PDB file of N, CA and C in Angstrom:
ATOM      1  N   UNK A   1       9.430  -5.269 -30.103  1.00  0.00           N
ATOM      2  CA  UNK A   1       9.388  -5.612 -28.693  1.00  0.00           C
ATOM      3  C   UNK A   1       9.669  -7.103 -28.539  1.00  0.00           C
ATOM      4  N   UNK A   2      10.652  -7.451 -27.710  1.00  0.00           N
ATOM      5  CA  UNK A   2      10.961  -8.872 -27.543  1.00  0.00           C
ATOM      6  C   UNK A   2       9.859  -9.594 -26.785  1.00  0.00           C
ATOM      7  N   UNK A   3       9.738 -10.863 -27.051  1.00  0.00           N
ATOM      8  CA  UNK A   3       8.710 -11.666 -26.387  1.00  0.00           C
ATOM      9  C   UNK A   3       9.067 -11.870 -24.921  1.00  0.00           C
ATOM     10  N   UNK A   4       8.038 -11.951 -24.104  1.00  0.00           N
ATOM     11  CA  UNK A   4       8.253 -12.181 -22.678  1.00  0.00           C
ATOM     12  C   UNK A   4       8.564 -13.660 -22.495  1.00  0.00           C
ATOM     13  N   UNK A   5       9.767 -13.926 -22.011  1.00  0.00           N
ATOM     14  CA  UNK A   5      10.220 -15.302 -21.861  1.00  0.00           C
ATOM     15  C   UNK A   5      10.340 -15.620 -20.380  1.00  0.00           C
ATOM     16  N   UNK A   6       9.385 -16.322 -19.824  1.00  0.00           N
ATOM     17  CA  UNK A   6       9.449 -16.715 -18.428  1.00  0.00           C
ATOM     18  C   UNK A   6       9.187 -15.577 -17.463  1.00  0.00           C
ATOM     19  N   UNK A   7       8.655 -14.465 -17.943  1.00  0.00           N
ATOM     20  CA  UNK A   7       8.326 -13.304 -17.106  1.00  0.00           C
ATOM     21  C   UNK A   7       9.523 -12.838 -16.279  1.00  0.00           C
ATOM     22  N   UNK A   8      10.679 -12.733 -16.898  1.00  0.00           N
ATOM     23  CA  UNK A   8      11.858 -12.245 -16.191  1.00  0.00           C
ATOM     24  C   UNK A   8      12.472 -11.100 -16.973  1.00  0.00           C
ATOM     25  N   UNK A   9      13.249 -10.279 -16.284  1.00  0.00           N
ATOM     26  CA  UNK A   9      14.003  -9.230 -16.953  1.00  0.00           C
ATOM     27  C   UNK A   9      13.215  -7.959 -17.154  1.00  0.00           C
ATOM     28  N   UNK A  10      13.673  -7.170 -18.108  1.00  0.00           N
ATOM     29  CA  UNK A  10      13.107  -5.852 -18.365  1.00  0.00           C
ATOM     30  C   UNK A  10      11.683  -5.960 -18.883  1.00  0.00           C
ATOM     31  N   UNK A  11      11.382  -6.976 -19.641  1.00  0.00           N
ATOM     32  CA  UNK A  11      10.048  -7.108 -20.225  1.00  0.00           C
ATOM     33  C   UNK A  11       8.975  -7.219 -19.149  1.00  0.00           C
ATOM     34  N   UNK A  12       9.313  -7.873 -18.045  1.00  0.00           N
ATOM     35  CA  UNK A  12       8.340  -7.997 -16.959  1.00  0.00           C
ATOM     36  C   UNK A  12       8.038  -6.627 -16.364  1.00  0.00           C
ATOM     37  N   UNK A  13       9.070  -5.826 -16.150  1.00  0.00           N
ATOM     38  CA  UNK A  13       8.865  -4.493 -15.590  1.00  0.00           C
ATOM     39  C   UNK A  13       8.058  -3.633 -16.557  1.00  0.00           C
ATOM     40  N   UNK A  14       8.359  -3.717 -17.821  1.00  0.00           N
ATOM     41  CA  UNK A  14       7.614  -2.951 -18.821  1.00  0.00           C
ATOM     42  C   UNK A  14       6.153  -3.387 -18.863  1.00  0.00           C
ATOM     43  N   UNK A  15       5.909  -4.680 -18.722  1.00  0.00           N
ATOM     44  CA  UNK A  15       4.544  -5.204 -18.711  1.00  0.00           C
ATOM     45  C   UNK A  15       3.742  -4.628 -17.544  1.00  0.00           C
ATOM     46  N   UNK A  16       4.329  -4.652 -16.332  1.00  0.00           N
ATOM     47  CA  UNK A  16       3.612  -4.161 -15.156  1.00  0.00           C
ATOM     48  C   UNK A  16       3.414  -2.656 -15.199  1.00  0.00           C
ATOM     49  N   UNK A  17       4.411  -1.917 -15.675  1.00  0.00           N
ATOM     50  CA  UNK A  17       4.260  -0.465 -15.766  1.00  0.00           C
ATOM     51  C   UNK A  17       3.170  -0.100 -16.768  1.00  0.00           C
ATOM     52  N   UNK A  18       3.111  -0.809 -17.871  1.00  0.00           N
ATOM     53  CA  UNK A  18       2.062  -0.555 -18.857  1.00  0.00           C
ATOM     54  C   UNK A  18       0.695  -0.942 -18.295  1.00  0.00           C
ATOM     55  N   UNK A  19       0.644  -2.030 -17.527  1.00  0.00           N
ATOM     56  CA  UNK A  19      -0.618  -2.470 -16.944  1.00  0.00           C
ATOM     57  C   UNK A  19      -1.128  -1.469 -15.913  1.00  0.00           C
ATOM     58  N   UNK A  20      -0.218  -0.925 -15.097  1.00  0.00           N
ATOM     59  CA  UNK A  20      -0.626  -0.009 -14.028  1.00  0.00           C
ATOM     60  C   UNK A  20      -0.872   1.408 -14.534  1.00  0.00           C
ATOM     61  N   UNK A  21       0.008   1.897 -15.393  1.00  0.00           N
ATOM     62  CA  UNK A  21      -0.048   3.303 -15.781  1.00  0.00           C
ATOM     63  C   UNK A  21      -0.359   3.514 -17.258  1.00  0.00           C
ATOM     64  N   UNK A  22      -0.736   2.462 -17.953  1.00  0.00           N
ATOM     65  CA  UNK A  22      -1.003   2.581 -19.372  1.00  0.00           C
ATOM     66  C   UNK A  22      -2.332   3.238 -19.687  1.00  0.00           C
ATOM     67  N   UNK A  23      -3.274   3.189 -18.764  1.00  0.00           N
ATOM     68  CA  UNK A  23      -4.572   3.825 -18.984  1.00  0.00           C
ATOM     69  C   UNK A  23      -5.095   4.358 -17.660  1.00  0.00           C
ATOM     70  N   UNK A  24      -6.211   5.037 -17.708  1.00  0.00           N
ATOM     71  CA  UNK A  24      -6.740   5.691 -16.508  1.00  0.00           C
ATOM     72  C   UNK A  24      -7.260   4.691 -15.483  1.00  0.00           C
ATOM     73  N   UNK A  25      -7.749   3.539 -15.931  1.00  0.00           N
ATOM     74  CA  UNK A  25      -8.261   2.540 -14.989  1.00  0.00           C
ATOM     75  C   UNK A  25      -7.125   1.986 -14.134  1.00  0.00           C
ATOM     76  N   UNK A  26      -6.004   1.686 -14.745  1.00  0.00           N
ATOM     77  CA  UNK A  26      -4.852   1.192 -13.990  1.00  0.00           C
ATOM     78  C   UNK A  26      -4.323   2.234 -13.029  1.00  0.00           C
ATOM     79  N   UNK A  27      -4.291   3.479 -13.468  1.00  0.00           N
ATOM     80  CA  UNK A  27      -3.807   4.555 -12.606  1.00  0.00           C
ATOM     81  C   UNK A  27      -4.732   4.748 -11.414  1.00  0.00           C
ATOM     82  N   UNK A  28      -6.038   4.743 -11.641  1.00  0.00           N
ATOM     83  CA  UNK A  28      -6.976   4.900 -10.533  1.00  0.00           C
ATOM     84  C   UNK A  28      -6.904   3.702  -9.580  1.00  0.00           C
ATOM     85  N   UNK A  29      -6.679   2.518 -10.104  1.00  0.00           N
ATOM     86  CA  UNK A  29      -6.522   1.348  -9.240  1.00  0.00           C
ATOM     87  C   UNK A  29      -5.316   1.510  -8.333  1.00  0.00           C
ATOM     88  N   UNK A  30      -4.209   1.997  -8.881  1.00  0.00           N
ATOM     89  CA  UNK A  30      -3.015   2.210  -8.066  1.00  0.00           C
ATOM     90  C   UNK A  30      -3.260   3.289  -7.025  1.00  0.00           C
ATOM     91  N   UNK A  31      -3.972   4.344  -7.377  1.00  0.00           N
ATOM     92  CA  UNK A  31      -4.265   5.401  -6.407  1.00  0.00           C
ATOM     93  C   UNK A  31      -5.147   4.880  -5.274  1.00  0.00           C
ATOM     94  N   UNK A  32      -6.111   4.032  -5.596  1.00  0.00           N
ATOM     95  CA  UNK A  32      -6.974   3.454  -4.559  1.00  0.00           C
ATOM     96  C   UNK A  32      -6.163   2.549  -3.636  1.00  0.00           C
ATOM     97  N   UNK A  33      -5.297   1.733  -4.194  1.00  0.00           N
ATOM     98  CA  UNK A  33      -4.477   0.829  -3.382  1.00  0.00           C
ATOM     99  C   UNK A  33      -3.541   1.623  -2.481  1.00  0.00           C
ATOM    100  N   UNK A  34      -2.871   2.636  -3.023  1.00  0.00           N
ATOM    101  CA  UNK A  34      -1.947   3.454  -2.230  1.00  0.00           C
ATOM    102  C   UNK A  34      -2.705   4.228  -1.162  1.00  0.00           C
ATOM    103  N   UNK A  35      -3.861   4.788  -1.513  1.00  0.00           N
ATOM    104  CA  UNK A  35      -4.662   5.522  -0.535  1.00  0.00           C
ATOM    105  C   UNK A  35      -5.141   4.631   0.596  1.00  0.00           C
ATOM    106  N   UNK A  36      -5.561   3.416   0.267  1.00  0.00           N
ATOM    107  CA  UNK A  36      -5.997   2.471   1.292  1.00  0.00           C
ATOM    108  C   UNK A  36      -4.847   2.102   2.218  1.00  0.00           C
ATOM    109  N   UNK A  37      -3.677   1.868   1.646  1.00  0.00           N
ATOM    110  CA  UNK A  37      -2.504   1.544   2.456  1.00  0.00           C
ATOM    111  C   UNK A  37      -2.152   2.691   3.394  1.00  0.00           C
ATOM    112  N   UNK A  38      -2.194   3.920   2.905  1.00  0.00           N
ATOM    113  CA  UNK A  38      -1.883   5.077   3.746  1.00  0.00           C
ATOM    114  C   UNK A  38      -2.915   5.251   4.857  1.00  0.00           C
ATOM    115  N   UNK A  39      -4.181   5.042   4.544  1.00  0.00           N
ATOM    116  CA  UNK A  39      -5.229   5.174   5.553  1.00  0.00           C
ATOM    117  C   UNK A  39      -5.079   4.126   6.655  1.00  0.00           C
ATOM    118  N   UNK A  40      -4.864   2.883   6.278  1.00  0.00           N
ATOM    119  CA  UNK A  40      -4.688   1.819   7.265  1.00  0.00           C
ATOM    120  C   UNK A  40      -3.428   2.059   8.088  1.00  0.00           C
ATOM    121  N   UNK A  41      -2.358   2.518   7.446  1.00  0.00           N
ATOM    122  CA  UNK A  41      -1.121   2.800   8.173  1.00  0.00           C
ATOM    123  C   UNK A  41      -1.314   3.923   9.177  1.00  0.00           C
ATOM    124  N   UNK A  42      -2.047   4.965   8.799  1.00  0.00           N
ATOM    125  CA  UNK A  42      -2.256   6.074   9.730  1.00  0.00           C
ATOM    126  C   UNK A  42      -3.093   5.628  10.928  1.00  0.00           C
ATOM    127  N   UNK A  43      -4.109   4.794  10.701  1.00  0.00           N
ATOM    128  CA  UNK A  43      -4.885   4.256  11.823  1.00  0.00           C
ATOM    129  C   UNK A  43      -4.005   3.402  12.736  1.00  0.00           C
ATOM    130  N   UNK A  44      -3.122   2.600  12.156  1.00  0.00           N
ATOM    131  CA  UNK A  44      -2.241   1.747  12.958  1.00  0.00           C
ATOM    132  C   UNK A  44      -1.280   2.586  13.790  1.00  0.00           C
ATOM    133  N   UNK A  45      -0.705   3.626  13.192  1.00  0.00           N
ATOM    134  CA  UNK A  45       0.220   4.497  13.924  1.00  0.00           C
ATOM    135  C   UNK A  45      -0.514   5.218  15.045  1.00  0.00           C
ATOM    136  N   UNK A  46      -1.717   5.696  14.782  1.00  0.00           N
ATOM    137  CA  UNK A  46      -2.495   6.382  15.815  1.00  0.00           C
ATOM    138  C   UNK A  46      -2.839   5.433  16.963  1.00  0.00           C
ATOM    139  N   UNK A  47      -3.225   4.205  16.634  1.00  0.00           N
ATOM    140  CA  UNK A  47      -3.551   3.220  17.665  1.00  0.00           C
ATOM    141  C   UNK A  47      -2.328   2.912  18.523  1.00  0.00           C
ATOM    142  N   UNK A  48      -1.173   2.702  17.890  1.00  0.00           N
ATOM    143  CA  UNK A  48       0.052   2.418  18.640  1.00  0.00           C
ATOM    144  C   UNK A  48       0.429   3.608  19.513  1.00  0.00           C
ATOM    145  N   UNK A  49       0.283   4.820  18.987  1.00  0.00           N
ATOM    146  CA  UNK A  49       0.582   6.018  19.776  1.00  0.00           C
ATOM    147  C   UNK A  49      -0.317   6.098  21.007  1.00  0.00           C
ATOM    148  N   UNK A  50      -1.614   5.842  20.834  1.00  0.00           N
ATOM    149  CA  UNK A  50      -2.540   5.915  21.964  1.00  0.00           C
ATOM    150  C   UNK A  50      -2.236   4.834  23.003  1.00  0.00           C
ATOM    151  N   UNK A  51      -1.878   3.650  22.562  1.00  0.00           N
ATOM    152  CA  UNK A  51      -1.559   2.574  23.496  1.00  0.00           C
ATOM    153  C   UNK A  51      -0.282   2.898  24.265  1.00  0.00           C
ATOM    154  N   UNK A  52       0.725   3.413  23.571  1.00  0.00           N
ATOM    155  CA  UNK A  52       1.999   3.695  24.231  1.00  0.00           C
ATOM    156  C   UNK A  52       1.905   4.882  25.185  1.00  0.00           C
ATOM    157  N   UNK A  53       1.040   5.838  24.914  1.00  0.00           N
ATOM    158  CA  UNK A  53       0.961   7.028  25.763  1.00  0.00           C
ATOM    159  C   UNK A  53      -0.147   6.938  26.814  1.00  0.00           C
ATOM    160  N   UNK A  54      -0.864   5.834  26.859  1.00  0.00           N
ATOM    161  CA  UNK A  54      -1.953   5.686  27.834  1.00  0.00           C
ATOM    162  C   UNK A  54      -1.383   5.419  29.225  1.00  0.00           C
ATOM    163  N   UNK A  55      -2.048   5.982  30.220  1.00  0.00           N
ATOM    164  CA  UNK A  55      -1.655   5.748  31.605  1.00  0.00           C
ATOM    165  C   UNK A  55      -2.429   4.546  32.129  1.00  0.00           C
ATOM    166  N   UNK A  56      -1.800   3.752  32.994  1.00  0.00           N
ATOM    167  CA  UNK A  56      -2.526   2.592  33.526  1.00  0.00           C
ATOM    168  C   UNK A  56      -3.692   3.032  34.399  1.00  0.00           C
ATOM    169  N   UNK A  57      -4.772   2.279  34.392  1.00  0.00           N
ATOM    170  CA  UNK A  57      -5.932   2.662  35.207  1.00  0.00           C
ATOM    171  C   UNK A  57      -5.621   2.531  36.701  1.00  0.00           C
ATOM    172  N   UNK A  58      -6.211   3.423  37.481  1.00  0.00           N
ATOM    173  CA  UNK A  58      -6.024   3.376  38.932  1.00  0.00           C
ATOM    174  C   UNK A  58      -7.048   2.424  39.529  1.00  0.00           C
ATOM    175  N   UNK A  59      -6.592   1.643  40.494  1.00  0.00           N
ATOM    176  CA  UNK A  59      -7.501   0.707  41.158  1.00  0.00           C
ATOM    177  C   UNK A  59      -8.221   1.427  42.288  1.00  0.00           C
ATOM    178  N   UNK A  60      -9.526   1.326  42.297  1.00  0.00           N
ATOM    179  CA  UNK A  60     -10.324   1.953  43.351  1.00  0.00           C
ATOM    180  C   UNK A  60     -10.859   0.883  44.287  1.00  0.00           C
ATOM    181  N   UNK A  61     -10.720   1.136  45.587  1.00  0.00           N
ATOM    182  CA  UNK A  61     -11.205   0.153  46.563  1.00  0.00           C
ATOM    183  C   UNK A  61     -12.139   0.795  47.545  1.00  0.00           C
TER     184      UNK A  61
END
C-alpha cells in the first residue's frame, strides 16, 4: 500500500472508506448521520409544505 502523501488521490478515498465501513462502529456512525439528515430534511419539507399551503388568517372586526 503506497504511503498517503498530502492526503490526495486514491489513497485518501481508500482511507475514508476504510474508516467509515471498515468496522461496525464506523458503519453505525454513518447510519446515524444519514438517518439524522433524513429526519431533519423530512421535517424541513413538511414545514415548508405547511407554510406554502396555509391560508392567510381572516381579520375579524
